[in-house]
């Protein structure tokens, strides 16, 4: 059972979300909060698996609450559910510990899938936002991305591929841009996902952001 706390300053939206999620037997809403301060207090008390967090709230916003939850409820995963399509909001939320960033116009299936994924520790970003992350990635070769364990960071070429993935480019487009074969692109992507210990392209981009690949 995935226990969920919903933090949003609009009661009608919260109640509607509770009603919708109640139709899924593996998800249980255990609490609600109307602002960031209350979200941290309730999460500290309830220790839910997932907090669905709005960003723009009075009395302490969702970004501050996300940062506070890292110590108040370290086992709780934060899934941002917001109307903000601002790249800076996305980066700041992920940098401070959010595991997912979903837009409020997403479908119910996408939201439920994101709740399940972040509860397992995966990183999820709305496709519409993932394509816009290139502005947050530094020039190729500027950094090596640290990874878990003793694995080396990404190579210069892998960073080039990852930067283009973040723009939404297809394998064939990346191959043309880098003057390499599509098979080579696929090989780089396999290496990237293995090194970053992720399952798909969107997760790779998200983990790259958490790793600090930023423009100086």
Foldseek 3Di string as FASTA:
>chain_A
DFEEEEEAQDVVVVVVVQVVQVVDPVYHHDYYHNALVVQLVVCLVPLGLEYAAEADGPPHGRLRSLLSCCPSRVNHAYAYEYQDLDLVVVLSSLLSGHQEYHYNVDDPVVVVVVSVQVSVVFHYYPPVNQLVCLQFAAQQPPDFFDAPDPDTGQDSVLSLLLSNVSNVDDLVRSCVVVVHDSVVSVVSVVVLCVRRVHDDSSRSSSVVSNRRRGYD
